[in-house]
N, C-alpha and C. Protein backbone atom coordinates (compact mmCIF):
# COMPACT_ATOMS: atom_id res chain seq x y z
N MET A 1 -8.74 0.13 8.63
CA MET A 1 -7.58 0.01 9.16
C MET A 1 -6.26 0.44 8.30
N VAL A 2 -5.27 0.93 8.53
CA VAL A 2 -4.40 1.92 7.54
C VAL A 2 -3.24 0.73 7.70
N LEU A 3 -2.50 0.51 6.83
CA LEU A 3 -1.51 -0.75 6.91
C LEU A 3 -0.75 -0.37 5.30
N ALA A 4 0.56 -0.47 5.42
CA ALA A 4 1.55 -0.10 4.38
C ALA A 4 1.15 -1.20 3.06
N ASN A 5 1.72 -0.34 1.74
CA ASN A 5 1.19 -0.68 1.11
C ASN A 5 1.40 -2.31 0.59
N GLY A 6 2.77 -2.54 1.20
CA GLY A 6 3.19 -4.46 1.00
C GLY A 6 2.41 -5.35 1.68
N SER A 7 1.36 -5.08 2.31
CA SER A 7 0.55 -5.93 2.82
C SER A 7 -0.82 -6.00 2.03
N LEU A 8 -1.15 -5.31 0.66
CA LEU A 8 -1.16 -5.51 -0.30
C LEU A 8 -1.29 -7.25 -1.65
N SER A 9 0.19 -6.77 -1.72
CA SER A 9 0.87 -8.15 -2.27
C SER A 9 1.67 -8.96 -1.54
N SER A 10 1.77 -8.76 -0.31
CA SER A 10 2.99 -9.95 0.13
C SER A 10 2.98 -10.95 0.46
N ARG A 11 3.76 -12.19 0.20
CA ARG A 11 3.19 -13.13 0.45
C ARG A 11 3.80 -13.33 1.92
N SER A 12 4.85 -12.57 2.63
CA SER A 12 5.83 -12.91 3.17
C SER A 12 5.33 -13.09 4.59
N SER A 13 5.53 -13.70 6.01
CA SER A 13 4.89 -13.87 7.41
C SER A 13 3.30 -14.10 7.08
N GLY A 14 2.54 -14.91 5.93
CA GLY A 14 1.64 -15.32 6.31
C GLY A 14 0.55 -14.58 5.48
N LYS A 15 1.22 -13.34 4.82
CA LYS A 15 0.14 -12.15 4.33
C LYS A 15 -1.40 -12.83 3.67
N GLY A 16 -0.03 -13.74 2.95
CA GLY A 16 -0.95 -13.91 1.08
C GLY A 16 -2.18 -14.86 1.91
N GLU A 17 -2.03 -15.68 3.04
CA GLU A 17 -3.14 -16.26 3.97
C GLU A 17 -3.85 -15.68 4.29
N ILE A 18 -3.38 -14.57 4.97
CA ILE A 18 -4.51 -13.53 5.79
C ILE A 18 -5.25 -13.60 5.22
N ARG A 19 -4.94 -12.39 4.05
CA ARG A 19 -5.63 -11.86 2.47
C ARG A 19 -6.63 -12.75 2.22
N LYS A 20 -6.10 -13.97 1.83
CA LYS A 20 -7.66 -14.92 1.12
C LYS A 20 -8.20 -14.99 2.61
N ASN A 21 -7.75 -15.48 3.53
CA ASN A 21 -9.06 -15.58 4.56
C ASN A 21 -9.60 -14.38 4.88
N ILE A 22 -9.56 -13.09 4.64
CA ILE A 22 -10.16 -12.10 4.58
C ILE A 22 -11.11 -11.85 3.03
N ILE A 23 -10.53 -12.35 2.42
CA ILE A 23 -11.66 -12.25 1.19
C ILE A 23 -12.40 -13.01 1.26
N ASN A 24 -12.08 -14.69 1.45
CA ASN A 24 -13.07 -15.71 1.61
C ASN A 24 -14.14 -15.56 2.43
N ALA A 25 -14.06 -14.59 3.57
CA ALA A 25 -14.91 -14.96 4.43
C ALA A 25 -15.66 -13.67 3.93
N ASP A 26 -15.85 -12.61 3.41
CA ASP A 26 -15.88 -11.56 2.58
C ASP A 26 -16.53 -10.36 3.47
N LEU A 27 -15.07 -10.03 4.15
CA LEU A 27 -15.29 -9.28 5.15
C LEU A 27 -14.55 -7.89 4.46
N LEU A 28 -13.44 -7.73 3.08
CA LEU A 28 -13.56 -6.28 3.03
C LEU A 28 -14.22 -5.48 2.03
N ASP A 29 -14.50 -4.78 2.74
CA ASP A 29 -15.53 -3.84 1.84
C ASP A 29 -14.64 -2.75 0.98
N CYS A 30 -13.97 -2.32 1.04
CA CYS A 30 -13.31 -1.29 0.44
C CYS A 30 -11.48 -1.34 0.70
N ILE A 31 -10.84 -1.49 -0.35
CA ILE A 31 -9.17 -0.23 -0.21
C ILE A 31 -9.03 0.85 -0.89
N ILE A 32 -8.21 1.82 -0.27
CA ILE A 32 -8.36 2.87 -0.79
C ILE A 32 -6.29 3.42 -0.47
N ALA A 33 -6.13 3.48 -1.75
CA ALA A 33 -4.64 3.66 -1.50
C ALA A 33 -4.39 4.80 -1.72
N MET A 34 -3.59 5.51 -0.87
CA MET A 34 -3.54 6.90 -0.97
C MET A 34 -2.41 7.21 -1.16
N LEU A 35 -1.85 8.83 -1.29
CA LEU A 35 -0.88 9.36 -1.21
C LEU A 35 0.40 8.90 -1.26
N THR A 36 1.65 8.86 -1.14
CA THR A 36 3.06 8.63 -1.12
C THR A 36 2.98 10.21 -0.09
N GLN A 37 3.68 9.82 0.96
CA GLN A 37 3.74 10.90 1.54
C GLN A 37 2.88 11.15 2.63
N LEU A 38 1.83 10.84 2.87
CA LEU A 38 0.77 10.93 3.45
C LEU A 38 0.96 11.32 5.20
N PHE A 39 1.99 11.14 5.33
CA PHE A 39 2.35 10.90 6.81
C PHE A 39 3.92 11.58 7.57
N TYR A 40 3.33 12.74 7.72
CA TYR A 40 4.80 13.26 8.19
C TYR A 40 5.99 12.46 8.55
N THR A 41 5.54 11.70 9.90
CA THR A 41 6.57 11.02 10.46
C THR A 41 7.29 9.64 9.47
N THR A 42 6.70 8.93 8.22
CA THR A 42 7.23 8.29 7.22
C THR A 42 7.12 8.43 5.71
N GLN A 43 7.84 8.44 4.87
CA GLN A 43 7.83 8.14 3.63
C GLN A 43 6.88 6.83 3.00
N ILE A 44 6.66 5.84 3.49
CA ILE A 44 6.11 4.37 3.43
C ILE A 44 4.81 5.11 2.88
N PRO A 45 4.20 4.32 1.41
CA PRO A 45 3.25 4.30 1.00
C PRO A 45 1.59 3.64 2.05
N VAL A 46 0.70 4.10 2.36
CA VAL A 46 -0.36 3.61 2.85
C VAL A 46 -1.62 3.28 2.21
N SER A 47 -2.26 2.09 2.73
CA SER A 47 -3.72 1.95 2.47
C SER A 47 -4.71 2.15 3.45
N LEU A 48 -5.98 2.26 3.03
CA LEU A 48 -6.91 2.47 4.26
C LEU A 48 -7.93 0.68 3.84
N TRP A 49 -7.75 -0.16 4.77
CA TRP A 49 -8.62 -1.15 4.50
C TRP A 49 -10.02 -0.86 5.22
N PHE A 50 -11.30 -1.33 4.78
CA PHE A 50 -11.99 -0.89 5.70
C PHE A 50 -13.34 -2.61 5.17
N ILE A 51 -13.34 -2.80 6.85
CA ILE A 51 -13.62 -4.82 6.87
C ILE A 51 -14.99 -3.78 7.83
N ALA A 52 -15.71 -4.99 7.19
CA ALA A 52 -17.17 -5.11 7.94
C ALA A 52 -17.87 -6.56 7.87
N LYS A 53 -17.78 -6.68 9.24
CA LYS A 53 -18.65 -8.19 9.05
C LYS A 53 -20.55 -8.12 8.58
N ASN A 54 -21.31 -7.33 8.10
CA ASN A 54 -22.20 -7.42 7.40
C ASN A 54 -22.47 -6.69 6.31
N LYS A 55 -21.28 -6.46 5.22
CA LYS A 55 -21.54 -5.76 3.89
C LYS A 55 -22.42 -5.50 3.06
N LYS A 56 -22.72 -4.49 3.20
CA LYS A 56 -24.13 -3.98 2.05
C LYS A 56 -24.20 -4.79 0.48
N GLN A 57 -22.38 -4.98 0.70
CA GLN A 57 -22.57 -5.09 -1.55
C GLN A 57 -21.61 -6.37 -1.11
N LYS A 58 -22.21 -7.69 -0.32
CA LYS A 58 -21.90 -9.02 -0.35
C LYS A 58 -20.95 -9.41 -1.58
N GLY A 59 -19.81 -9.76 -1.34
CA GLY A 59 -19.53 -10.25 -2.61
C GLY A 59 -18.61 -9.64 -3.46
N ASN A 60 -18.51 -8.03 -3.08
CA ASN A 60 -17.67 -7.19 -3.72
C ASN A 60 -17.19 -6.84 -3.25
N THR A 61 -16.19 -5.98 -3.57
CA THR A 61 -15.08 -5.53 -3.01
C THR A 61 -15.24 -3.93 -3.93
N LEU A 62 -14.90 -2.69 -3.35
CA LEU A 62 -14.49 -1.40 -3.60
C LEU A 62 -12.84 -1.35 -3.69
N PHE A 63 -12.80 -0.75 -4.86
CA PHE A 63 -10.68 -0.24 -4.63
C PHE A 63 -10.98 0.99 -5.48
N ILE A 64 -10.01 1.87 -4.56
CA ILE A 64 -9.94 3.29 -4.91
C ILE A 64 -8.71 3.28 -4.97
N ASP A 65 -7.98 4.31 -6.19
CA ASP A 65 -6.57 4.42 -6.36
C ASP A 65 -6.48 6.11 -6.04
N ALA A 66 -5.96 6.51 -4.66
CA ALA A 66 -6.28 7.96 -4.51
C ALA A 66 -5.26 8.49 -4.58
N ARG A 67 -3.95 7.92 -4.92
CA ARG A 67 -3.10 8.38 -4.90
C ARG A 67 -2.68 9.48 -6.00
N LYS A 68 -2.92 9.57 -6.33
CA LYS A 68 -3.07 11.05 -7.48
C LYS A 68 -3.91 12.52 -6.27
N MET A 69 -4.98 11.79 -5.47
CA MET A 69 -6.10 12.70 -4.82
C MET A 69 -6.72 12.97 -6.26
N GLY A 70 -7.96 12.72 -6.05
CA GLY A 70 -9.37 13.35 -6.91
C GLY A 70 -10.17 13.54 -6.14
N ARG A 71 -11.44 13.57 -7.17
CA ARG A 71 -12.81 13.68 -6.37
C ARG A 71 -13.73 12.26 -6.57
N MET A 72 -14.70 11.99 -5.91
CA MET A 72 -15.07 10.57 -6.16
C MET A 72 -15.65 10.94 -7.56
N GLU A 73 -15.22 9.84 -8.58
CA GLU A 73 -16.08 9.34 -9.56
C GLU A 73 -15.77 7.93 -9.88
N ASP A 74 -16.54 8.03 -10.64
CA ASP A 74 -16.88 6.08 -10.98
C ASP A 74 -15.91 6.34 -12.47
N ALA A 75 -14.96 6.16 -12.61
CA ALA A 75 -14.02 6.57 -13.77
C ALA A 75 -13.19 5.69 -13.88
N LYS A 76 -12.51 5.10 -14.64
CA LYS A 76 -10.97 3.90 -14.96
C LYS A 76 -10.12 5.28 -14.63
N GLY A 77 -9.26 4.21 -13.81
CA GLY A 77 -7.93 4.76 -12.98
C GLY A 77 -8.18 5.61 -11.76
N PHE A 78 -9.42 5.36 -11.43
CA PHE A 78 -9.81 6.13 -9.85
C PHE A 78 -10.40 5.07 -9.11
N CYS A 79 -11.76 3.97 -9.37
CA CYS A 79 -12.17 3.27 -8.55
C CYS A 79 -12.82 2.26 -9.42
N ALA A 80 -12.97 0.62 -8.67
CA ALA A 80 -13.39 0.01 -9.37
C ALA A 80 -14.62 -0.98 -8.11
N VAL A 81 -15.56 -1.62 -8.37
CA VAL A 81 -16.10 -2.38 -7.82
C VAL A 81 -15.71 -3.89 -7.96
N VAL A 82 -15.12 -4.79 -7.43
CA VAL A 82 -15.09 -5.51 -8.01
C VAL A 82 -15.34 -7.06 -7.19
N THR A 83 -15.68 -7.70 -7.89
CA THR A 83 -16.15 -9.58 -7.37
C THR A 83 -15.50 -10.08 -6.41
N THR A 84 -15.70 -10.82 -5.61
CA THR A 84 -14.76 -11.78 -4.80
C THR A 84 -14.46 -12.39 -5.84
N GLN A 85 -15.26 -13.17 -6.88
CA GLN A 85 -14.58 -14.30 -7.93
C GLN A 85 -13.34 -13.73 -8.38
N GLU A 86 -13.81 -12.14 -8.74
CA GLU A 86 -12.20 -11.53 -9.63
C GLU A 86 -11.52 -11.18 -8.80
N ILE A 87 -11.23 -11.08 -7.47
CA ILE A 87 -9.76 -10.95 -6.86
C ILE A 87 -9.64 -12.14 -6.22
N THR A 88 -10.37 -13.56 -6.08
CA THR A 88 -10.04 -15.08 -6.21
C THR A 88 -8.85 -14.98 -7.17
N LYS A 89 -9.44 -14.75 -8.02
CA LYS A 89 -8.65 -14.91 -9.89
C LYS A 89 -7.33 -14.69 -9.92
N GLN A 90 -7.33 -13.56 -9.22
CA GLN A 90 -5.78 -11.84 -9.07
C GLN A 90 -4.76 -13.32 -8.16
N ASP A 91 -5.22 -14.59 -7.42
CA ASP A 91 -4.64 -14.50 -6.76
C ASP A 91 -4.48 -14.17 -5.22
N TYR A 92 -5.77 -13.41 -4.44
CA TYR A 92 -6.11 -12.27 -3.75
C TYR A 92 -4.85 -11.62 -3.42
N ILE A 93 -4.38 -10.77 -4.44
CA ILE A 93 -3.39 -9.51 -4.59
C ILE A 93 -4.88 -8.41 -4.84
N LEU A 94 -4.13 -7.46 -3.80
CA LEU A 94 -5.41 -6.31 -3.63
C LEU A 94 -4.43 -5.13 -3.42
N THR A 95 -3.76 -4.55 -4.97
CA THR A 95 -3.54 -3.52 -5.16
C THR A 95 -4.41 -2.97 -6.40
N PRO A 96 -4.66 -1.69 -5.44
CA PRO A 96 -5.82 -0.96 -6.32
C PRO A 96 -5.74 -1.24 -7.79
N GLY A 97 -4.50 -0.63 -8.14
CA GLY A 97 -4.01 0.03 -9.95
C GLY A 97 -4.16 -1.46 -10.87
N ARG A 98 -4.48 -2.92 -10.12
CA ARG A 98 -4.58 -4.16 -10.59
C ARG A 98 -6.20 -3.90 -11.66
N TYR A 99 -7.29 -3.47 -10.12
CA TYR A 99 -8.44 -3.40 -10.58
C TYR A 99 -8.76 -2.56 -11.37
N VAL A 100 -8.75 -1.00 -11.26
CA VAL A 100 -9.23 -0.22 -11.32
C VAL A 100 -8.72 0.84 -12.79
N GLY A 101 -7.98 0.09 -13.06
CA GLY A 101 -7.65 0.52 -14.66
C GLY A 101 -7.11 1.88 -14.82
N ILE A 102 -5.84 1.82 -16.40
CA ILE A 102 -5.65 3.26 -16.51
C ILE A 102 -6.56 4.18 -17.31
N GLU A 103 -6.26 5.78 -16.49
CA GLU A 103 -7.35 6.95 -16.61
C GLU A 103 -6.91 7.09 -18.33
N GLU A 104 -8.00 7.72 -18.24
CA GLU A 104 -8.16 7.93 -19.99
C GLU A 104 -7.36 9.21 -20.15
N GLN A 105 -6.24 9.51 -21.12
CA GLN A 105 -5.80 10.50 -21.55
C GLN A 105 -6.32 11.12 -22.00
N GLU A 106 -6.72 12.23 -22.37
CA GLU A 106 -7.31 13.16 -23.76
C GLU A 106 -6.03 13.71 -24.37
N ASP A 107 -6.15 13.82 -25.23
CA ASP A 107 -4.60 14.72 -26.07
C ASP A 107 -5.55 15.71 -26.52
N GLY A 108 -6.83 16.21 -26.75
CA GLY A 108 -7.24 17.49 -27.44
C GLY A 108 -7.37 16.86 -28.98
N GLU A 109 -7.03 15.90 -29.41
CA GLU A 109 -7.02 16.03 -31.02
C GLU A 109 -8.05 15.55 -31.26
N PRO A 110 -9.29 16.00 -32.04
CA PRO A 110 -10.52 15.03 -32.45
C PRO A 110 -10.32 13.99 -33.10
N LEU A 111 -11.13 13.21 -32.81
CA LEU A 111 -10.72 11.70 -33.38
C LEU A 111 -10.67 11.70 -34.85
N GLU A 112 -11.51 12.62 -35.93
CA GLU A 112 -11.45 12.43 -37.05
C GLU A 112 -10.36 13.22 -37.60
N GLU A 113 -9.67 14.07 -36.90
CA GLU A 113 -8.38 14.72 -37.56
C GLU A 113 -7.25 13.25 -36.83
N LYS A 114 -7.32 13.18 -36.17
CA LYS A 114 -6.18 11.90 -35.44
C LYS A 114 -6.43 10.68 -36.14
N MET A 115 -7.58 10.30 -36.25
CA MET A 115 -7.33 9.01 -37.71
C MET A 115 -6.76 9.64 -39.38
N GLY A 116 -7.26 10.37 -39.27
CA GLY A 116 -6.51 11.02 -40.66
C GLY A 116 -5.09 11.27 -40.76
N ARG A 117 -4.50 11.84 -39.44
CA ARG A 117 -3.28 12.06 -39.60
C ARG A 117 -2.33 10.26 -39.15
N LEU A 118 -3.12 9.69 -38.75
CA LEU A 118 -2.12 8.34 -38.19
C LEU A 118 -2.57 7.69 -39.72
N THR A 119 -3.85 7.38 -40.58
CA THR A 119 -3.96 6.89 -41.39
C THR A 119 -3.08 7.09 -42.37
N ALA A 120 -2.97 8.01 -42.54
CA ALA A 120 -1.74 8.96 -43.57
C ALA A 120 0.02 8.27 -43.14
N GLU A 121 0.33 8.54 -41.05
CA GLU A 121 1.06 8.07 -41.12
C GLU A 121 1.24 6.19 -41.83
N LEU A 122 0.30 5.75 -41.57
CA LEU A 122 0.58 4.13 -41.99
C LEU A 122 0.79 3.73 -43.89
N SER A 123 0.24 4.85 -43.92
CA SER A 123 0.54 4.61 -45.72
C SER A 123 1.72 4.92 -46.32
N GLU A 124 2.26 5.87 -45.52
CA GLU A 124 3.90 6.55 -45.74
C GLU A 124 4.50 5.05 -45.37
N LEU A 125 4.14 3.97 -43.93
CA LEU A 125 5.24 3.90 -43.39
C LEU A 125 4.65 2.35 -44.56
N PHE A 126 3.38 1.78 -45.30
CA PHE A 126 3.68 1.20 -46.27
C PHE A 126 4.39 0.77 -47.18
N VAL A 127 4.71 2.13 -47.76
CA VAL A 127 5.04 2.76 -48.45
C VAL A 127 6.95 1.82 -48.74
N LYS A 128 7.05 2.79 -47.43
CA LYS A 128 8.37 2.18 -46.90
C LYS A 128 8.78 1.04 -46.92
N SER A 129 7.75 0.01 -46.38
CA SER A 129 8.13 -1.24 -46.21
C SER A 129 8.12 -1.85 -47.63
N HIS A 130 7.29 -1.15 -48.91
CA HIS A 130 7.57 -2.00 -49.98
C HIS A 130 8.72 -1.82 -50.53
N GLU A 131 9.23 -0.38 -50.27
CA GLU A 131 10.54 -0.06 -50.78
C GLU A 131 11.86 -1.11 -50.07
N LEU A 132 11.50 -1.25 -48.58
CA LEU A 132 13.11 -1.92 -48.19
C LEU A 132 12.84 -3.60 -48.77
N GLU A 133 11.69 -3.79 -48.84
CA GLU A 133 11.53 -5.25 -49.48
C GLU A 133 12.22 -5.33 -50.87
N ASP A 134 12.10 -4.82 -51.68
CA ASP A 134 12.67 -4.11 -52.91
C ASP A 134 14.00 -4.48 -52.72
N GLU A 135 14.47 -3.79 -51.96
CA GLU A 135 15.96 -3.56 -51.70
C GLU A 135 16.56 -4.49 -50.99
N ILE A 136 15.93 -5.33 -50.12
CA ILE A 136 16.40 -7.39 -49.71
C ILE A 136 16.48 -7.81 -50.68
N ARG A 137 15.38 -7.95 -51.82
CA ARG A 137 14.98 -8.91 -52.67
C ARG A 137 16.53 -8.44 -53.36
N LYS A 138 16.99 -7.69 -53.69
CA LYS A 138 17.69 -7.00 -55.21
C LYS A 138 18.96 -7.83 -54.37
N ARG A 139 19.09 -6.94 -52.94
CA ARG A 139 21.06 -7.80 -52.16
C ARG A 139 20.85 -9.14 -52.22
N LEU A 140 19.75 -9.63 -51.92
CA LEU A 140 20.04 -11.23 -51.87
C LEU A 140 19.98 -11.95 -53.19
N GLY A 141 19.60 -11.24 -54.32
CA GLY A 141 19.64 -11.81 -55.65
C GLY A 141 20.79 -11.70 -56.10
N ALA A 142 21.73 -10.28 -55.62
CA ALA A 142 23.14 -10.18 -55.58
C ALA A 142 24.31 -11.37 -55.18
N ILE A 143 23.51 -11.84 -54.10
CA ILE A 143 24.45 -12.76 -53.92
C ILE A 143 23.91 -14.15 -54.16
N GLY A 144 22.95 -14.28 -54.78
CA GLY A 144 22.52 -15.79 -55.42
C GLY A 144 21.55 -16.42 -54.70
N TYR A 145 20.92 -15.53 -53.56
CA TYR A 145 19.66 -15.94 -53.12
C TYR A 145 18.15 -15.50 -53.65
N GLU A 146 17.31 -16.04 -54.59
CA GLU A 146 16.18 -15.24 -54.97
C GLU A 146 14.62 -15.68 -53.86
N LEU A 147 14.39 -14.53 -53.90
CA LEU A 147 12.65 -14.95 -53.06
C LEU A 147 11.93 -15.22 -54.33
């Protein structure tokens, strides 16, 4: 089925109850969130729902976030296989982004260099913190409040 993304999480018109019944009957095989403006005649974002009576992976549902278009990979930010129990814990909300996680960002900086830079910055912040503590103590002392 092709449905508007509102059907993934809306509770109006009994949609939440419908989702709950579909999940509890173990009918939902896969949901794919499609990119915005997929259809020429509407700008409404849609999702593809794959429903099957005899799923191959009983108790699991595959979520794919294809809003940015990509190739099929088992990577964070793209897809995830989720158990029925996990969906139940999420109150039957079927938004793929909730399950697929955040894609890993590559910043190009080697770990050793990044950690060296970050620890140096932290060291500077600790020095500044001590300077500020001393200044606060002096000012409180000047008005009669000692720490």
